[in-house]
Amino acid sequence: MKIIFYIIQKEFKQIFRNKGMLPIIFVLPLLQLVILSNAATFEVKNIKFAYIDNDQSTSSRALIEKFEASTYFNVQTSFPSEVLASSAMLKGEVDVVIDIPLYFERDLQKDKKVNLGITINAIDGAAAGVENVYITQIIRSFSKQIKMDLKQKSDSQIQPVNIETIPLFWYNETLNYKTFMVPGILVLLVTMITLFLSGMNIVREKEIGTLEQINVTPIKKSQFIIGKLFPFWIIGMGLLTIGLILARLIFNVPMLGNLVLMYAYTSVYILVILGMGLFISNFTDTQQQAMFIAWFFTVIFILMSGLFTPIESMPEWAQILTEFNPIKYFVEVMRMVMLKGSGFIDILPQFIKTLIYAVIMNILAVWRYRKTT
């Protein structure tokens, strides 16, 4: 036990002696948390909107005003022809063009079918889909209002039936995208820092030649590994703590669940990442190799974790692969505990899988590490 404490103390001294390492470990990840949580969003706003009004009627103007009142659309200008509108979209000046046909108001009053031409720049397919939903909602609202107005004019004694829906948004009442993203970004930072540091630590010993000196000492393999990796376990828990404080103070992210439960799960999860770092270090001879391999797997794990894209939308083979992705479970647990207030029973499946992952990963890493000269 004394040997383990000695190695841990030595590791912490090396970390704190290197003045350039502390900002990399603590300051930069927290800056990334603040920046990415504000920048990483799938909300589509400031849509550049233009229109072709062939009718020039009260109804056509009312429809345009509906788009002007929306917070998602930025009405740019009107075009006299479809050719000029297409040219503007080609140059990237507009994202959406709506073509209001001639006799638009007359056909509405006669209860005829009216076709609106809507052109959407669909280079970004996801954004185009969201824009189409916004446009459809505005047009439906406008159509409903027109029908009510016409019915009131035709028969003022009969009041139209108005069905109002009152939506309830659970777990994110304000529909704030930061509330959804901050827990995931925090998972990303804890994972990257602990994986890179643990992966490069033992490789650094190989590069400077001290690993061979340690291997000929009577220090046991388990003592050496625990002493080398435990400081990074502490750093990972520290990053989680600072990240949670910032998430509350800056982004006002709700924390409905038990923080002790969150820390308990994180402590097991970090063991998975440390085991991966040790496993990577066994197959590399330089820090550059270790960082490249760690980054390769981190990118795959992040993109297939459900952090940015829903897992349900992935192909079936990709959904099967996500079952072996530890980041997926951490993202789920963070959002469940922080936003839903889930208890231990709720996260038990993720906890068991992560624990099994930690045991297997560390057994493989320790078995693969050879304490030889």
Protein backbone atom coordinates (compact mmCIF):
# COMPACT_ATOMS: atom_id res chain seq x y z
CA MET A 1 0.00 0.00 0.00
CA LYS A 2 2.87 2.39 0.76
CA ILE A 3 4.29 1.76 -2.69
CA ILE A 4 0.95 2.63 -4.30
CA PHE A 5 0.72 5.89 -2.33
CA TYR A 6 4.29 6.71 -3.31
CA ILE A 7 3.55 6.24 -7.02
CA ILE A 8 0.33 8.28 -6.74
CA GLN A 9 2.18 11.08 -4.96
CA LYS A 10 4.88 11.03 -7.62
CA GLU A 11 2.30 11.26 -10.40
CA PHE A 12 0.55 14.24 -8.83
CA LYS A 13 3.89 15.99 -8.37
CA GLN A 14 4.70 15.52 -12.04
CA ILE A 15 1.31 16.88 -13.06
CA PHE A 16 1.46 19.97 -10.85
CA ARG A 17 5.11 20.68 -11.64
CA ASN A 18 4.26 21.00 -15.31
CA LYS A 19 2.62 24.43 -15.39
CA GLY A 20 1.49 23.98 -18.98
CA MET A 21 -0.36 20.76 -18.15
CA LEU A 22 -2.84 22.26 -15.65
CA PRO A 23 -4.56 24.60 -18.15
CA ILE A 24 -4.81 21.73 -20.63
CA ILE A 25 -6.41 19.45 -18.04
CA PHE A 26 -8.83 21.90 -16.42
CA VAL A 27 -9.14 25.25 -18.20
CA LEU A 28 -9.41 24.14 -21.83
CA PRO A 29 -12.08 21.45 -21.24
CA LEU A 30 -14.22 23.92 -19.31
CA LEU A 31 -13.87 26.49 -22.08
CA GLN A 32 -14.95 23.78 -24.50
CA LEU A 33 -17.98 23.06 -22.31
CA VAL A 34 -19.06 26.70 -22.44
CA ILE A 35 -18.38 27.14 -26.17
CA LEU A 36 -19.72 23.82 -27.47
CA SER A 37 -22.87 23.95 -25.36
CA ASN A 38 -23.74 27.29 -26.93
CA ALA A 39 -22.63 26.40 -30.46
CA ALA A 40 -23.66 22.74 -30.82
CA THR A 41 -27.36 22.98 -31.59
CA PHE A 42 -29.73 21.52 -34.17
CA GLU A 43 -32.16 24.41 -33.86
CA VAL A 44 -32.67 26.17 -37.20
CA LYS A 45 -33.05 29.92 -36.86
CA ASN A 46 -32.59 33.05 -38.98
CA ILE A 47 -33.90 31.28 -42.08
CA LYS A 48 -33.49 33.63 -45.03
CA PHE A 49 -36.99 33.87 -46.46
CA ALA A 50 -38.19 35.43 -49.72
CA TYR A 51 -41.49 35.36 -51.58
CA ILE A 52 -43.12 35.87 -54.97
CA ASP A 53 -46.54 37.52 -54.53
CA ASN A 54 -48.42 37.14 -57.78
CA ASP A 55 -51.76 37.98 -56.16
CA GLN A 56 -50.95 41.21 -54.28
CA SER A 57 -54.07 40.77 -52.14
CA THR A 58 -54.95 41.20 -48.49
CA SER A 59 -54.80 37.46 -47.89
CA SER A 60 -51.39 37.07 -49.52
CA ARG A 61 -50.04 39.93 -47.44
CA ALA A 62 -51.50 38.34 -44.29
CA LEU A 63 -49.68 35.11 -45.09
CA ILE A 64 -46.35 36.94 -45.48
CA GLU A 65 -46.95 38.71 -42.17
CA LYS A 66 -47.29 35.31 -40.53
CA PHE A 67 -43.74 34.50 -41.61
CA GLU A 68 -42.49 37.94 -40.56
CA ALA A 69 -43.92 37.40 -37.07
CA SER A 70 -42.11 34.06 -36.71
CA THR A 71 -38.85 34.09 -34.76
CA TYR A 72 -37.39 31.45 -37.08
CA PHE A 73 -37.69 33.33 -40.37
CA ASN A 74 -35.87 36.42 -41.51
CA VAL A 75 -37.91 37.83 -44.40
CA GLN A 76 -35.41 39.22 -46.89
CA THR A 77 -37.27 40.57 -49.90
CA SER A 78 -39.83 39.87 -52.59
CA PHE A 79 -39.06 38.82 -56.15
CA PRO A 80 -41.10 39.64 -59.24
CA SER A 81 -40.32 36.33 -60.92
CA GLU A 82 -39.26 32.78 -60.18
CA VAL A 83 -36.08 33.20 -62.25
CA LEU A 84 -34.75 35.97 -59.99
CA ALA A 85 -35.69 34.00 -56.87
CA SER A 86 -33.86 30.90 -58.14
CA SER A 87 -30.81 33.01 -58.92
CA ALA A 88 -30.80 34.42 -55.40
CA MET A 89 -31.02 30.91 -53.92
CA LEU A 90 -28.17 29.78 -56.15
CA LYS A 91 -26.01 32.58 -54.71
CA GLY A 92 -26.97 31.61 -51.17
CA GLU A 93 -28.89 34.82 -50.51
CA VAL A 94 -32.11 33.03 -49.54
CA ASP A 95 -32.96 29.64 -48.05
CA VAL A 96 -36.70 29.47 -48.68
CA VAL A 97 -38.86 30.96 -51.45
CA ILE A 98 -42.66 30.78 -51.36
CA ASP A 99 -44.60 31.37 -54.59
CA ILE A 100 -48.13 32.75 -54.02
CA PRO A 101 -50.23 32.13 -57.15
CA LEU A 102 -52.56 34.50 -58.91
CA TYR A 103 -56.17 34.57 -57.62
CA PHE A 104 -54.95 33.27 -54.26
CA GLU A 105 -57.52 35.24 -52.24
CA ARG A 106 -60.40 34.54 -54.65
CA ASP A 107 -59.82 30.79 -54.54
CA LEU A 108 -59.66 30.85 -50.74
CA GLN A 109 -63.00 32.64 -50.54
CA LYS A 110 -64.58 30.14 -52.93
CA ASP A 111 -63.14 27.30 -50.80
CA LYS A 112 -61.12 26.01 -53.71
CA LYS A 113 -57.90 24.12 -53.46
CA VAL A 114 -54.91 26.46 -53.47
CA ASN A 115 -51.40 25.29 -54.29
CA LEU A 116 -48.47 27.22 -52.86
CA GLY A 117 -45.07 26.73 -54.44
CA ILE A 118 -42.36 26.34 -51.79
CA THR A 119 -38.70 26.03 -52.74
CA ILE A 120 -36.21 25.06 -50.00
CA ASN A 121 -32.44 24.94 -50.24
CA ALA A 122 -31.86 21.30 -49.25
CA ILE A 123 -28.06 21.06 -49.36
CA ASP A 124 -28.35 20.47 -45.60
CA GLY A 125 -31.07 17.83 -45.59
CA ALA A 126 -31.64 17.95 -41.83
CA ALA A 127 -32.07 21.73 -41.81
CA ALA A 128 -34.37 21.56 -44.84
CA GLY A 129 -36.59 19.05 -43.04
CA VAL A 130 -36.89 21.32 -40.01
CA GLU A 131 -37.61 24.33 -42.22
CA ASN A 132 -40.37 22.39 -43.98
CA VAL A 133 -41.99 21.63 -40.62
CA TYR A 134 -41.90 25.32 -39.64
CA ILE A 135 -43.45 26.36 -42.98
CA THR A 136 -46.17 23.71 -42.77
CA GLN A 137 -47.15 24.80 -39.25
CA ILE A 138 -47.42 28.46 -40.27
CA ILE A 139 -49.50 27.68 -43.37
CA ARG A 140 -51.83 25.41 -41.39
CA SER A 141 -52.32 28.12 -38.80
CA PHE A 142 -53.05 30.66 -41.53
CA SER A 143 -55.48 28.31 -43.29
CA LYS A 144 -57.35 27.64 -40.07
CA GLN A 145 -57.65 31.36 -39.36
CA ILE A 146 -58.95 32.09 -42.88
CA LYS A 147 -61.62 29.40 -42.61
CA MET A 148 -62.81 30.76 -39.28
CA ASP A 149 -63.00 34.32 -40.65
CA LEU A 150 -64.98 33.20 -43.70
CA LYS A 151 -67.36 31.15 -41.60
CA GLN A 152 -67.99 34.08 -39.28
CA LYS A 153 -68.80 36.30 -42.26
CA SER A 154 -71.21 33.79 -43.80
CA ASP A 155 -73.09 33.07 -40.60
CA SER A 156 -72.37 35.42 -37.72
CA GLN A 157 -74.88 33.66 -35.46
CA ILE A 158 -73.11 30.29 -35.58
CA GLN A 159 -69.84 30.38 -33.72
CA PRO A 160 -67.14 28.12 -35.19
CA VAL A 161 -65.83 25.33 -33.04
CA ASN A 162 -62.30 26.16 -31.86
CA ILE A 163 -60.29 23.21 -30.59
CA GLU A 164 -57.24 24.33 -28.64
CA THR A 165 -54.38 22.01 -27.80
CA ILE A 166 -52.29 22.61 -24.68
CA PRO A 167 -48.96 20.74 -24.95
CA LEU A 168 -47.03 19.64 -21.88
CA PHE A 169 -43.27 19.45 -22.26
CA TRP A 170 -41.79 17.14 -19.66
CA TYR A 171 -38.17 17.32 -18.49
CA ASN A 172 -37.42 20.43 -20.60
CA GLU A 173 -40.34 22.81 -20.26
CA THR A 174 -38.69 25.74 -22.06
CA LEU A 175 -37.46 23.54 -24.95
CA ASN A 176 -33.96 24.90 -24.31
CA TYR A 177 -31.51 22.94 -26.44
CA LYS A 178 -28.65 23.69 -24.03
CA THR A 179 -30.49 21.68 -21.37
CA PHE A 180 -30.23 18.68 -23.69
CA MET A 181 -26.66 19.28 -24.87
CA VAL A 182 -24.76 20.29 -21.71
CA PRO A 183 -24.88 16.83 -20.01
CA GLY A 184 -23.67 15.21 -23.24
CA ILE A 185 -20.84 17.71 -23.76
CA LEU A 186 -19.75 17.14 -20.15
CA VAL A 187 -19.57 13.40 -20.84
CA LEU A 188 -17.45 14.10 -23.90
CA LEU A 189 -14.92 16.20 -21.99
CA VAL A 190 -14.55 13.79 -19.05
CA THR A 191 -14.03 10.92 -21.51
CA MET A 192 -11.48 12.65 -23.73
CA ILE A 193 -9.28 14.02 -20.95
CA THR A 194 -9.11 10.80 -18.92
CA LEU A 195 -8.57 8.63 -22.01
CA PHE A 196 -5.79 10.77 -23.49
CA LEU A 197 -3.96 11.25 -20.20
CA SER A 198 -4.11 7.59 -19.19
CA GLY A 199 -3.19 6.42 -22.68
CA MET A 200 -0.13 8.65 -22.95
CA ASN A 201 1.11 8.31 -19.37
CA ILE A 202 2.71 4.87 -19.54
CA VAL A 203 3.84 5.50 -23.12
CA ARG A 204 5.70 8.54 -21.83
CA GLU A 205 7.58 6.26 -19.44
CA LYS A 206 8.59 4.15 -22.45
CA GLU A 207 9.84 7.18 -24.37
CA ILE A 208 12.04 8.56 -21.60
CA GLY A 209 13.32 5.10 -20.65
CA THR A 210 12.07 5.00 -17.05
CA LEU A 211 9.68 2.12 -17.68
CA GLU A 212 12.54 -0.37 -18.00
CA GLN A 213 13.95 0.85 -14.67
CA ILE A 214 10.56 0.38 -13.02
CA ASN A 215 10.16 -3.09 -14.48
CA VAL A 216 13.33 -4.37 -12.79
CA THR A 217 12.18 -3.12 -9.37
CA PRO A 218 10.23 -5.39 -6.96
CA ILE A 219 7.09 -3.27 -7.52
CA LYS A 220 4.17 -5.52 -8.42
CA LYS A 221 2.36 -5.00 -11.68
CA SER A 222 -0.96 -4.24 -9.95
CA GLN A 223 0.70 -1.69 -7.66
CA PHE A 224 2.29 0.10 -10.58
CA ILE A 225 -0.92 0.25 -12.64
CA ILE A 226 -3.08 1.44 -9.73
CA GLY A 227 -0.56 4.09 -8.78
CA LYS A 228 -0.26 5.34 -12.36
CA LEU A 229 -3.97 5.44 -13.17
CA PHE A 230 -5.58 6.51 -9.89
CA PRO A 231 -4.56 10.19 -10.27
CA PHE A 232 -6.43 10.35 -13.56
CA TRP A 233 -9.48 8.86 -11.87
CA ILE A 234 -9.32 11.75 -9.41
CA ILE A 235 -8.90 14.25 -12.26
CA GLY A 236 -11.93 12.80 -14.07
CA MET A 237 -14.10 13.16 -10.97
CA GLY A 238 -12.79 16.69 -10.48
CA LEU A 239 -13.69 17.63 -14.07
CA LEU A 240 -17.19 16.26 -13.52
CA THR A 241 -17.58 18.36 -10.38
CA ILE A 242 -16.44 21.60 -12.00
CA GLY A 243 -18.53 20.85 -15.09
CA LEU A 244 -21.68 20.32 -13.01
CA ILE A 245 -21.09 23.61 -11.20
CA LEU A 246 -20.73 25.47 -14.51
CA ALA A 247 -23.77 23.68 -15.96
CA ARG A 248 -25.83 24.96 -13.05
CA LEU A 249 -24.45 28.48 -12.79
CA ILE A 250 -24.05 29.35 -16.49
CA PHE A 251 -26.67 27.23 -18.29
CA ASN A 252 -29.11 26.71 -15.40
CA VAL A 253 -29.38 23.01 -16.24
CA PRO A 254 -31.75 21.28 -13.80
CA MET A 255 -30.31 18.61 -11.53
CA LEU A 256 -33.35 16.68 -10.39
CA GLY A 257 -31.65 13.41 -9.53
CA ASN A 258 -29.31 12.29 -6.79
CA LEU A 259 -25.78 13.62 -7.31
CA VAL A 260 -24.35 10.74 -5.26
CA LEU A 261 -25.84 8.32 -7.79
CA MET A 262 -24.29 10.30 -10.62
CA TYR A 263 -20.86 10.22 -8.97
CA ALA A 264 -21.19 6.50 -8.23
CA TYR A 265 -21.88 5.71 -11.88
CA THR A 266 -19.13 8.07 -13.08
CA SER A 267 -16.59 6.39 -10.81
CA VAL A 268 -17.28 3.07 -12.56
CA TYR A 269 -17.38 4.66 -16.00
CA ILE A 270 -13.96 6.27 -15.57
CA LEU A 271 -12.55 2.82 -14.78
CA VAL A 272 -13.69 1.76 -18.25
CA ILE A 273 -11.88 4.70 -19.85
CA LEU A 274 -8.73 4.15 -17.79
CA GLY A 275 -8.70 0.49 -18.81
CA MET A 276 -8.99 1.53 -22.45
CA GLY A 277 -6.12 4.00 -22.02
CA LEU A 278 -3.92 1.34 -20.45
CA PHE A 279 -4.85 -1.15 -23.17
CA ILE A 280 -3.91 1.37 -25.87
CA SER A 281 -0.59 2.13 -24.19
CA ASN A 282 0.34 -1.55 -24.36
CA PHE A 283 0.34 -1.45 -28.16
CA THR A 284 2.06 1.90 -28.72
CA ASP A 285 5.62 3.11 -28.32
CA THR A 286 5.14 6.89 -28.66
CA GLN A 287 2.68 9.42 -27.30
CA GLN A 288 1.69 10.40 -30.84
CA GLN A 289 0.66 6.82 -31.60
CA ALA A 290 -1.32 6.60 -28.37
CA MET A 291 -3.13 9.88 -29.04
CA PHE A 292 -3.98 8.91 -32.61
CA ILE A 293 -5.47 5.54 -31.62
CA ALA A 294 -7.35 7.10 -28.68
CA TRP A 295 -8.74 9.82 -30.94
CA PHE A 296 -9.77 7.24 -33.56
CA PHE A 297 -11.92 5.30 -31.11
CA THR A 298 -13.20 8.43 -29.34
CA VAL A 299 -14.62 9.89 -32.55
CA ILE A 300 -16.43 6.64 -33.36
CA PHE A 301 -17.80 6.33 -29.83
CA ILE A 302 -18.97 9.96 -29.77
CA LEU A 303 -20.74 9.87 -33.14
CA MET A 304 -22.49 6.61 -32.24
CA SER A 305 -23.40 7.54 -28.67
CA GLY A 306 -26.65 9.41 -29.33
CA LEU A 307 -25.02 12.67 -28.26
CA PHE A 308 -25.70 14.47 -31.54
CA THR A 309 -27.94 12.10 -33.53
CA PRO A 310 -30.68 9.75 -32.24
CA ILE A 311 -29.62 6.12 -32.04
CA GLU A 312 -33.10 5.11 -33.24
CA SER A 313 -32.39 6.80 -36.58
CA MET A 314 -29.24 4.75 -37.22
CA PRO A 315 -29.19 1.58 -39.35
CA GLU A 316 -29.90 -1.65 -37.50
CA TRP A 317 -26.25 -2.80 -37.65
CA ALA A 318 -25.15 0.52 -36.13
CA GLN A 319 -27.69 0.21 -33.32
CA ILE A 320 -26.23 -3.21 -32.49
CA LEU A 321 -22.71 -1.75 -32.36
CA THR A 322 -23.83 0.99 -29.96
CA GLU A 323 -24.46 -1.69 -27.35
CA PHE A 324 -20.66 -1.92 -27.02
CA ASN A 325 -20.26 1.86 -26.72
CA PRO A 326 -19.60 2.97 -23.12
CA ILE A 327 -20.16 6.66 -23.95
CA LYS A 328 -23.74 5.82 -24.98
CA TYR A 329 -24.52 4.59 -21.47
CA PHE A 330 -22.88 7.57 -19.78
CA VAL A 331 -24.85 10.04 -21.94
CA GLU A 332 -28.09 8.22 -21.15
CA VAL A 333 -27.39 8.13 -17.41
CA MET A 334 -26.38 11.80 -17.22
CA ARG A 335 -29.55 12.95 -18.98
CA MET A 336 -31.76 10.55 -17.01
CA VAL A 337 -30.41 11.56 -13.61
CA MET A 338 -30.01 15.30 -14.25
CA LEU A 339 -33.14 15.98 -16.31
CA LYS A 340 -35.58 13.23 -15.29
CA GLY A 341 -34.52 12.63 -11.71
CA SER A 342 -34.10 8.90 -12.33
CA GLY A 343 -33.13 6.62 -9.46
CA PHE A 344 -30.79 3.65 -9.19
CA ILE A 345 -33.42 1.17 -10.41
CA ASP A 346 -33.94 3.26 -13.55
CA ILE A 347 -30.25 3.29 -14.48
CA LEU A 348 -29.55 -0.26 -13.30
CA PRO A 349 -29.29 -1.74 -16.87
CA GLN A 350 -26.71 0.89 -17.86
CA PHE A 351 -24.87 0.49 -14.57
CA ILE A 352 -24.56 -3.31 -14.92
CA LYS A 353 -23.34 -3.07 -18.53
CA THR A 354 -20.79 -0.39 -17.62
CA LEU A 355 -19.55 -2.43 -14.66
CA ILE A 356 -19.10 -5.51 -16.86
CA TYR A 357 -17.33 -3.36 -19.43
CA ALA A 358 -14.99 -1.99 -16.73
CA VAL A 359 -14.11 -5.44 -15.41
CA ILE A 360 -13.43 -6.92 -18.85
CA MET A 361 -11.49 -3.88 -20.10
CA ASN A 362 -9.21 -3.68 -17.07
CA ILE A 363 -8.59 -7.44 -16.98
CA LEU A 364 -7.52 -7.34 -20.63
CA ALA A 365 -5.35 -4.25 -20.06
CA VAL A 366 -3.60 -5.70 -17.00
CA TRP A 367 -3.16 -9.08 -18.67
CA ARG A 368 -1.66 -7.49 -21.77
CA TYR A 369 0.77 -5.33 -19.76
CA ARG A 370 4.09 -7.19 -19.51
CA LYS A 371 6.38 -6.34 -16.65
CA THR A 372 9.58 -7.48 -18.34
CA THR A 373 12.92 -5.91 -19.08
